[in-house]
PDB file of N, CA and C in Angstrom:
ATOM      1  N   UNK A   1      73.654  73.738 120.064  1.00  0.00           N
ATOM      2  CA  UNK A   1      75.128  73.828 119.627  1.00  0.00           C
ATOM      3  C   UNK A   1      75.343  75.350 119.277  1.00  0.00           C
ATOM      4  N   UNK A   2      76.678  75.710 119.589  1.00  0.00           N
ATOM      5  CA  UNK A   2      76.980  77.004 119.360  1.00  0.00           C
ATOM      6  C   UNK A   2      77.766  77.121 118.048  1.00  0.00           C
ATOM      7  N   UNK A   3      78.434  78.150 117.919  1.00  0.00           N
ATOM      8  CA  UNK A   3      79.333  78.350 116.493  1.00  0.00           C
ATOM      9  C   UNK A   3      80.466  77.512 116.643  1.00  0.00           C
ATOM     10  N   UNK A   4      80.840  77.607 117.668  1.00  0.00           N
ATOM     11  CA  UNK A   4      82.201  76.491 117.700  1.00  0.00           C
ATOM     12  C   UNK A   4      82.023  75.013 117.685  1.00  0.00           C
ATOM     13  N   UNK A   5      81.116  74.501 118.013  1.00  0.00           N
ATOM     14  CA  UNK A   5      80.664  73.132 117.389  1.00  0.00           C
ATOM     15  C   UNK A   5      80.368  73.023 116.191  1.00  0.00           C
ATOM     16  N   UNK A   6      80.215  73.800 115.294  1.00  0.00           N
ATOM     17  CA  UNK A   6      79.885  73.912 114.170  1.00  0.00           C
ATOM     18  C   UNK A   6      78.349  74.178 113.581  1.00  0.00           C
ATOM     19  N   UNK A   7      77.483  74.649 114.325  1.00  0.00           N
ATOM     20  CA  UNK A   7      76.142  74.862 114.109  1.00  0.00           C
ATOM     21  C   UNK A   7      76.017  75.895 112.885  1.00  0.00           C
ATOM     22  N   UNK A   8      75.578  75.500 111.653  1.00  0.00           N
ATOM     23  CA  UNK A   8      75.404  76.462 110.793  1.00  0.00           C
ATOM     24  C   UNK A   8      74.567  77.694 110.991  1.00  0.00           C
ATOM     25  N   UNK A   9      73.588  77.531 111.734  1.00  0.00           N
ATOM     26  CA  UNK A   9      72.830  78.782 112.195  1.00  0.00           C
ATOM     27  C   UNK A   9      73.624  79.580 113.186  1.00  0.00           C
ATOM     28  N   UNK A  10      74.315  79.134 114.206  1.00  0.00           N
ATOM     29  CA  UNK A  10      75.151  80.185 114.866  1.00  0.00           C
ATOM     30  C   UNK A  10      76.335  80.894 113.801  1.00  0.00           C
ATOM     31  N   UNK A  11      76.826  80.219 113.036  1.00  0.00           N
ATOM     32  CA  UNK A  11      77.629  81.146 112.442  1.00  0.00           C
ATOM     33  C   UNK A  11      77.144  81.961 111.437  1.00  0.00           C
ATOM     34  N   UNK A  12      75.955  81.597 110.935  1.00  0.00           N
ATOM     35  CA  UNK A  12      75.359  82.799 110.021  1.00  0.00           C
ATOM     36  C   UNK A  12      74.917  83.807 110.919  1.00  0.00           C
ATOM     37  N   UNK A  13      74.694  83.768 112.092  1.00  0.00           N
ATOM     38  CA  UNK A  13      74.517  84.776 113.174  1.00  0.00           C
ATOM     39  C   UNK A  13      75.529  85.457 113.451  1.00  0.00           C
ATOM     40  N   UNK A  14      77.043  84.536 113.454  1.00  0.00           N
ATOM     41  CA  UNK A  14      78.112  85.195 113.796  1.00  0.00           C
ATOM     42  C   UNK A  14      78.304  86.281 112.501  1.00  0.00           C
ATOM     43  N   UNK A  15      78.332  85.978 111.564  1.00  0.00           N
ATOM     44  CA  UNK A  15      78.438  86.397 110.246  1.00  0.00           C
ATOM     45  C   UNK A  15      77.535  87.587 110.223  1.00  0.00           C
ATOM     46  N   UNK A  16      76.378  87.663 110.534  1.00  0.00           N
ATOM     47  CA  UNK A  16      75.535  88.657 110.065  1.00  0.00           C
ATOM     48  C   UNK A  16      75.902  89.899 111.312  1.00  0.00           C
ATOM     49  N   UNK A  17      76.355  89.347 112.556  1.00  0.00           N
ATOM     50  CA  UNK A  17      76.658  90.433 113.506  1.00  0.00           C
ATOM     51  C   UNK A  17      77.884  90.907 112.909  1.00  0.00           C
ATOM     52  N   UNK A  18      78.919  90.089 112.465  1.00  0.00           N
ATOM     53  CA  UNK A  18      80.075  90.872 112.336  1.00  0.00           C
ATOM     54  C   UNK A  18      79.699  91.660 110.788  1.00  0.00           C
ATOM     55  N   UNK A  19      79.015  91.464 109.946  1.00  0.00           N
ATOM     56  CA  UNK A  19      78.376  92.406 109.140  1.00  0.00           C
ATOM     57  C   UNK A  19      77.903  93.725 109.373  1.00  0.00           C
ATOM     58  N   UNK A  20      77.180  93.671 110.707  1.00  0.00           N
ATOM     59  CA  UNK A  20      76.344  94.572 111.193  1.00  0.00           C
ATOM     60  C   UNK A  20      77.406  95.459 111.859  1.00  0.00           C
ATOM     61  N   UNK A  21      78.245  94.819 112.458  1.00  0.00           N
ATOM     62  CA  UNK A  21      79.406  95.476 113.060  1.00  0.00           C
ATOM     63  C   UNK A  21      80.387  96.540 112.262  1.00  0.00           C
ATOM     64  N   UNK A  22      80.570  96.052 111.023  1.00  0.00           N
ATOM     65  CA  UNK A  22      81.314  96.523 109.924  1.00  0.00           C
ATOM     66  C   UNK A  22      80.441  97.674 109.413  1.00  0.00           C
ATOM     67  N   UNK A  23      79.162  97.273 109.312  1.00  0.00           N
ATOM     68  CA  UNK A  23      78.295  98.854 108.874  1.00  0.00           C
ATOM     69  C   UNK A  23      78.501  99.804 109.988  1.00  0.00           C
ATOM     70  N   UNK A  24      78.347  99.399 111.277  1.00  0.00           N
ATOM     71  CA  UNK A  24      78.576 100.264 112.185  1.00  0.00           C
ATOM     72  C   UNK A  24      79.646 101.132 112.360  1.00  0.00           C
ATOM     73  N   UNK A  25      80.797 100.338 112.076  1.00  0.00           N
ATOM     74  CA  UNK A  25      82.144 101.025 112.006  1.00  0.00           C
ATOM     75  C   UNK A  25      82.512 101.951 110.564  1.00  0.00           C
ATOM     76  N   UNK A  26      81.774 101.317 109.704  1.00  0.00           N
ATOM     77  CA  UNK A  26      81.885 102.278 108.269  1.00  0.00           C
ATOM     78  C   UNK A  26      80.980 103.799 108.499  1.00  0.00           C
ATOM     79  N   UNK A  27      79.656 103.563 109.460  1.00  0.00           N
ATOM     80  CA  UNK A  27      79.273 104.492 109.521  1.00  0.00           C
ATOM     81  C   UNK A  27      79.966 105.426 110.615  1.00  0.00           C
ATOM     82  N   UNK A  28      80.414 105.273 111.399  1.00  0.00           N
ATOM     83  CA  UNK A  28      81.312 105.911 112.547  1.00  0.00           C
ATOM     84  C   UNK A  28      82.404 106.691 111.589  1.00  0.00           C
ATOM     85  N   UNK A  29      82.966 105.922 110.641  1.00  0.00           N
ATOM     86  CA  UNK A  29      83.936 106.674 110.092  1.00  0.00           C
ATOM     87  C   UNK A  29      83.512 107.505 109.108  1.00  0.00           C
ATOM     88  N   UNK A  30      82.310 107.500 108.758  1.00  0.00           N
ATOM     89  CA  UNK A  30      81.726 108.692 107.811  1.00  0.00           C
ATOM     90  C   UNK A  30      81.409 109.783 108.811  1.00  0.00           C
ATOM     91  N   UNK A  31      80.955 109.568 109.934  1.00  0.00           N
ATOM     92  CA  UNK A  31      80.554 110.712 110.915  1.00  0.00           C
ATOM     93  C   UNK A  31      81.830 111.053 111.465  1.00  0.00           C
ATOM     94  N   UNK A  32      82.770 110.633 111.606  1.00  0.00           N
ATOM     95  CA  UNK A  32      84.266 111.398 111.804  1.00  0.00           C
ATOM     96  C   UNK A  32      84.621 112.137 110.668  1.00  0.00           C
ATOM     97  N   UNK A  33      84.446 112.020 109.469  1.00  0.00           N
ATOM     98  CA  UNK A  33      84.656 112.730 108.224  1.00  0.00           C
ATOM     99  C   UNK A  33      83.982 113.795 108.086  1.00  0.00           C
ATOM    100  N   UNK A  34      82.520 113.407 108.408  1.00  0.00           N
ATOM    101  CA  UNK A  34      81.695 114.771 108.314  1.00  0.00           C
ATOM    102  C   UNK A  34      81.864 115.716 109.573  1.00  0.00           C
ATOM    103  N   UNK A  35      82.272 115.373 110.869  1.00  0.00           N
ATOM    104  CA  UNK A  35      82.487 116.379 111.814  1.00  0.00           C
ATOM    105  C   UNK A  35      84.003 117.093 111.274  1.00  0.00           C
ATOM    106  N   UNK A  36      85.104 116.701 110.535  1.00  0.00           N
ATOM    107  CA  UNK A  36      86.069 117.320 110.232  1.00  0.00           C
ATOM    108  C   UNK A  36      85.675 118.010 108.959  1.00  0.00           C
ATOM    109  N   UNK A  37      84.336 117.907 108.043  1.00  0.00           N
ATOM    110  CA  UNK A  37      84.187 118.602 107.199  1.00  0.00           C
ATOM    111  C   UNK A  37      83.371 119.911 107.794  1.00  0.00           C
ATOM    112  N   UNK A  38      82.572 119.464 108.638  1.00  0.00           N
ATOM    113  CA  UNK A  38      81.907 120.644 109.537  1.00  0.00           C
ATOM    114  C   UNK A  38      82.701 121.704 110.031  1.00  0.00           C
ATOM    115  N   UNK A  39      83.703 121.211 110.606  1.00  0.00           N
ATOM    116  CA  UNK A  39      84.819 122.143 111.522  1.00  0.00           C
ATOM    117  C   UNK A  39      85.445 122.985 110.137  1.00  0.00           C
ATOM    118  N   UNK A  40      85.867 122.368 108.995  1.00  0.00           N
ATOM    119  CA  UNK A  40      86.333 123.149 108.165  1.00  0.00           C
ATOM    120  C   UNK A  40      85.352 124.245 107.444  1.00  0.00           C
ATOM    121  N   UNK A  41      84.268 123.781 107.206  1.00  0.00           N
ATOM    122  CA  UNK A  41      83.168 124.928 106.877  1.00  0.00           C
ATOM    123  C   UNK A  41      82.736 125.886 107.948  1.00  0.00           C
ATOM    124  N   UNK A  42      82.782 125.467 109.081  1.00  0.00           N
ATOM    125  CA  UNK A  42      82.797 126.537 110.347  1.00  0.00           C
ATOM    126  C   UNK A  42      83.818 127.418 110.130  1.00  0.00           C
ATOM    127  N   UNK A  43      85.134 126.962 109.946  1.00  0.00           N
ATOM    128  CA  UNK A  43      86.503 127.695 110.053  1.00  0.00           C
ATOM    129  C   UNK A  43      86.228 128.678 108.701  1.00  0.00           C
ATOM    130  N   UNK A  44      85.983 128.247 107.294  1.00  0.00           N
ATOM    131  CA  UNK A  44      85.616 129.065 106.467  1.00  0.00           C
ATOM    132  C   UNK A  44      84.779 130.051 106.598  1.00  0.00           C
ATOM    133  N   UNK A  45      83.578 129.566 107.194  1.00  0.00           N
ATOM    134  CA  UNK A  45      82.196 130.607 107.356  1.00  0.00           C
ATOM    135  C   UNK A  45      82.927 131.853 108.192  1.00  0.00           C
ATOM    136  N   UNK A  46      83.642 131.525 109.308  1.00  0.00           N
ATOM    137  CA  UNK A  46      84.235 132.734 110.087  1.00  0.00           C
ATOM    138  C   UNK A  46      85.016 133.426 109.398  1.00  0.00           C
ATOM    139  N   UNK A  47      86.250 132.766 108.564  1.00  0.00           N
ATOM    140  CA  UNK A  47      86.768 133.650 107.604  1.00  0.00           C
ATOM    141  C   UNK A  47      86.127 134.674 106.851  1.00  0.00           C
ATOM    142  N   UNK A  48      84.998 134.120 105.980  1.00  0.00           N
ATOM    143  CA  UNK A  48      84.438 134.823 105.259  1.00  0.00           C
ATOM    144  C   UNK A  48      83.544 135.879 105.997  1.00  0.00           C
ATOM    145  N   UNK A  49      83.200 135.495 107.369  1.00  0.00           N
ATOM    146  CA  UNK A  49      82.454 136.734 107.604  1.00  0.00           C
ATOM    147  C   UNK A  49      83.533 137.784 108.261  1.00  0.00           C
ATOM    148  N   UNK A  50      84.550 137.579 108.856  1.00  0.00           N
ATOM    149  CA  UNK A  50      85.893 138.508 108.952  1.00  0.00           C
ATOM    150  C   UNK A  50      86.141 139.264 108.009  1.00  0.00           C
ATOM    151  N   UNK A  51      86.223 138.577 106.485  1.00  0.00           N
ATOM    152  CA  UNK A  51      86.434 139.301 105.458  1.00  0.00           C
ATOM    153  C   UNK A  51      85.380 140.331 105.091  1.00  0.00           C
ATOM    154  N   UNK A  52      84.177 139.923 105.205  1.00  0.00           N
ATOM    155  CA  UNK A  52      83.137 140.900 104.611  1.00  0.00           C
ATOM    156  C   UNK A  52      83.254 141.909 105.895  1.00  0.00           C
ATOM    157  N   UNK A  53      83.347 141.684 107.085  1.00  0.00           N
ATOM    158  CA  UNK A  53      83.187 142.869 108.050  1.00  0.00           C
ATOM    159  C   UNK A  53      84.401 143.674 107.610  1.00  0.00           C
ATOM    160  N   UNK A  54      85.767 143.325 107.122  1.00  0.00           N
ATOM    161  CA  UNK A  54      86.702 144.157 107.063  1.00  0.00           C
ATOM    162  C   UNK A  54      86.382 144.856 105.850  1.00  0.00           C
ATOM    163  N   UNK A  55      85.771 144.320 104.751  1.00  0.00           N
ATOM    164  CA  UNK A  55      85.382 145.037 103.473  1.00  0.00           C
ATOM    165  C   UNK A  55      84.106 146.038 103.686  1.00  0.00           C
ATOM    166  N   UNK A  56      83.196 145.881 104.511  1.00  0.00           N
ATOM    167  CA  UNK A  56      82.243 146.822 105.137  1.00  0.00           C
ATOM    168  C   UNK A  56      82.970 148.004 105.888  1.00  0.00           C
ATOM    169  N   UNK A  57      83.870 147.515 106.405  1.00  0.00           N
ATOM    170  CA  UNK A  57      84.462 149.017 107.325  1.00  0.00           C
ATOM    171  C   UNK A  57      85.342 149.787 106.387  1.00  0.00           C
ATOM    172  N   UNK A  58      85.991 149.069 105.286  1.00  0.00           N
ATOM    173  CA  UNK A  58      86.480 149.780 104.118  1.00  0.00           C
ATOM    174  C   UNK A  58      85.343 150.517 103.353  1.00  0.00           C
ATOM    175  N   UNK A  59      84.328 150.135 102.960  1.00  0.00           N
ATOM    176  CA  UNK A  59      83.258 150.697 102.602  1.00  0.00           C
ATOM    177  C   UNK A  59      82.809 151.963 103.159  1.00  0.00           C
ATOM    178  N   UNK A  60      82.544 151.839 104.469  1.00  0.00           N
ATOM    179  CA  UNK A  60      81.998 152.877 105.165  1.00  0.00           C
ATOM    180  C   UNK A  60      82.830 154.286 105.056  1.00  0.00           C
ATOM    181  N   UNK A  61      84.491 153.593 105.440  1.00  0.00           N
ATOM    182  CA  UNK A  61      85.670 154.605 105.447  1.00  0.00           C
ATOM    183  C   UNK A  61      85.596 155.406 104.094  1.00  0.00           C
ATOM    184  N   UNK A  62      85.602 154.726 102.823  1.00  0.00           N
ATOM    185  CA  UNK A  62      85.573 155.483 101.534  1.00  0.00           C
ATOM    186  C   UNK A  62      84.452 155.946 101.213  1.00  0.00           C
ATOM    187  N   UNK A  63      83.006 155.812 101.828  1.00  0.00           N
ATOM    188  CA  UNK A  63      82.113 156.587 101.718  1.00  0.00           C
ATOM    189  C   UNK A  63      82.428 157.972 102.583  1.00  0.00           C
ATOM    190  N   UNK A  64      82.593 157.758 103.514  1.00  0.00           N
ATOM    191  CA  UNK A  64      82.929 158.773 104.525  1.00  0.00           C
ATOM    192  C   UNK A  64      84.107 159.813 103.700  1.00  0.00           C
ATOM    193  N   UNK A  65      84.818 159.314 103.123  1.00  0.00           N
ATOM    194  CA  UNK A  65      85.864 160.180 102.335  1.00  0.00           C
ATOM    195  C   UNK A  65      85.235 160.599 101.048  1.00  0.00           C
ATOM    196  N   UNK A  66      84.349 159.853 100.617  1.00  0.00           N
ATOM    197  CA  UNK A  66      83.897 160.593  99.299  1.00  0.00           C
ATOM    198  C   UNK A  66      82.951 161.612  99.817  1.00  0.00           C
ATOM    199  N   UNK A  67      82.223 161.413 101.094  1.00  0.00           N
ATOM    200  CA  UNK A  67      81.373 162.812 101.113  1.00  0.00           C
ATOM    201  C   UNK A  67      82.150 164.201 101.447  1.00  0.00           C
ATOM    202  N   UNK A  68      83.523 163.568 102.087  1.00  0.00           N
ATOM    203  CA  UNK A  68      84.431 165.027 102.556  1.00  0.00           C
ATOM    204  C   UNK A  68      84.931 165.547 101.579  1.00  0.00           C
ATOM    205  N   UNK A  69      85.404 164.654 100.131  1.00  0.00           N
ATOM    206  CA  UNK A  69      85.796 165.051  99.184  1.00  0.00           C
ATOM    207  C   UNK A  69      84.720 165.866  98.138  1.00  0.00           C
ATOM    208  N   UNK A  70      83.622 165.520  98.265  1.00  0.00           N
ATOM    209  CA  UNK A  70      82.533 166.204  97.723  1.00  0.00           C
ATOM    210  C   UNK A  70      82.456 167.721  98.250  1.00  0.00           C
ATOM    211  N   UNK A  71      82.405 167.631  99.778  1.00  0.00           N
ATOM    212  CA  UNK A  71      81.934 168.933 100.438  1.00  0.00           C
ATOM    213  C   UNK A  71      83.369 169.882  99.902  1.00  0.00           C
ATOM    214  N   UNK A  72      84.725 169.299 100.006  1.00  0.00           N
ATOM    215  CA  UNK A  72      85.444 170.197  99.554  1.00  0.00           C
ATOM    216  C   UNK A  72      85.501 170.757  98.109  1.00  0.00           C
ATOM    217  N   UNK A  73      85.172 169.830  97.373  1.00  0.00           N
ATOM    218  CA  UNK A  73      84.986 170.384  95.657  1.00  0.00           C
ATOM    219  C   UNK A  73      83.975 171.456  95.985  1.00  0.00           C
ATOM    220  N   UNK A  74      82.787 171.409  96.541  1.00  0.00           N
ATOM    221  CA  UNK A  74      81.591 172.239  96.612  1.00  0.00           C
ATOM    222  C   UNK A  74      82.057 173.629  96.964  1.00  0.00           C
ATOM    223  N   UNK A  75      82.739 173.394  98.009  1.00  0.00           N
ATOM    224  CA  UNK A  75      83.179 174.866  98.791  1.00  0.00           C
ATOM    225  C   UNK A  75      84.306 175.393  97.713  1.00  0.00           C
ATOM    226  N   UNK A  76      85.203 174.848  97.200  1.00  0.00           N
ATOM    227  CA  UNK A  76      85.769 175.498  96.071  1.00  0.00           C
ATOM    228  C   UNK A  76      85.022 176.273  94.981  1.00  0.00           C
ATOM    229  N   UNK A  77      84.222 175.221  94.625  1.00  0.00           N
ATOM    230  CA  UNK A  77      83.186 175.703  93.435  1.00  0.00           C
ATOM    231  C   UNK A  77      82.311 176.998  93.555  1.00  0.00           C
ATOM    232  N   UNK A  78      81.923 176.988  95.054  1.00  0.00           N
ATOM    233  CA  UNK A  78      81.026 177.979  95.479  1.00  0.00           C
ATOM    234  C   UNK A  78      82.010 179.107  95.614  1.00  0.00           C
ATOM    235  N   UNK A  79      83.258 179.074  96.085  1.00  0.00           N
ATOM    236  CA  UNK A  79      84.056 180.394  96.108  1.00  0.00           C
ATOM    237  C   UNK A  79      84.413 180.846  94.878  1.00  0.00           C
ATOM    238  N   UNK A  80      84.860 180.085  93.712  1.00  0.00           N
ATOM    239  CA  UNK A  80      85.311 180.269  92.720  1.00  0.00           C
ATOM    240  C   UNK A  80      84.011 180.957  91.850  1.00  0.00           C
ATOM    241  N   UNK A  81      82.663 180.803  91.919  1.00  0.00           N
ATOM    242  CA  UNK A  81      81.600 181.246  91.428  1.00  0.00           C
ATOM    243  C   UNK A  81      80.901 182.419  92.237  1.00  0.00           C
ATOM    244  N   UNK A  82      81.380 182.628  93.407  1.00  0.00           N
ATOM    245  CA  UNK A  82      80.774 183.413  94.506  1.00  0.00           C
ATOM    246  C   UNK A  82      79.222 183.019  94.731  1.00  0.00           C
ATOM    247  N   UNK A  83      79.095 181.897  94.743  1.00  0.00           N
ATOM    248  CA  UNK A  83      77.742 181.613  95.240  1.00  0.00           C
ATOM    249  C   UNK A  83      77.597 181.026  96.789  1.00  0.00           C
ATOM    250  N   UNK A  84      76.726 181.546  97.677  1.00  0.00           N
ATOM    251  CA  UNK A  84      76.640 181.119  98.910  1.00  0.00           C
ATOM    252  C   UNK A  84      76.492 179.740  99.244  1.00  0.00           C
ATOM    253  N   UNK A  85      77.220 179.000 100.153  1.00  0.00           N
ATOM    254  CA  UNK A  85      76.919 177.422 100.349  1.00  0.00           C
ATOM    255  C   UNK A  85      75.854 177.245 101.080  1.00  0.00           C
ATOM    256  N   UNK A  86      75.153 176.283 100.727  1.00  0.00           N
ATOM    257  CA  UNK A  86      73.540 175.772 101.477  1.00  0.00           C
ATOM    258  C   UNK A  86      74.193 174.514 102.194  1.00  0.00           C
ATOM    259  N   UNK A  87      73.344 174.246 103.392  1.00  0.00           N
ATOM    260  CA  UNK A  87      73.693 173.431 104.339  1.00  0.00           C
ATOM    261  C   UNK A  87      73.108 172.191 103.789  1.00  0.00           C
ATOM    262  N   UNK A  88      73.951 170.777 103.998  1.00  0.00           N
ATOM    263  CA  UNK A  88      73.001 169.769 103.390  1.00  0.00           C
ATOM    264  C   UNK A  88      72.125 169.114 104.320  1.00  0.00           C
ATOM    265  N   UNK A  89      71.065 168.538 103.543  1.00  0.00           N
ATOM    266  CA  UNK A  89      69.717 168.109 104.183  1.00  0.00           C
ATOM    267  C   UNK A  89      70.277 167.251 105.274  1.00  0.00           C
TER     268      UNK A  89
END
């Protein structure tokens, strides 16, 4: 007999199959949510890498500027005290 004819065994199988299907659908929804979260994380990681790159560029530019200013100050001090300038190593 089948589930339509009222066999309890078939009804239990149908309920078990339906439960498994519900579990599978729940897992698929979780996977979809995880995909969305992964995309957000990837976007945030890219933004952070871009920010770090910009900050590194600014640090490099400022370091170059500091070296230039130090040279200018050293030249002025050397002229003031009459000491000859030595080359940087």
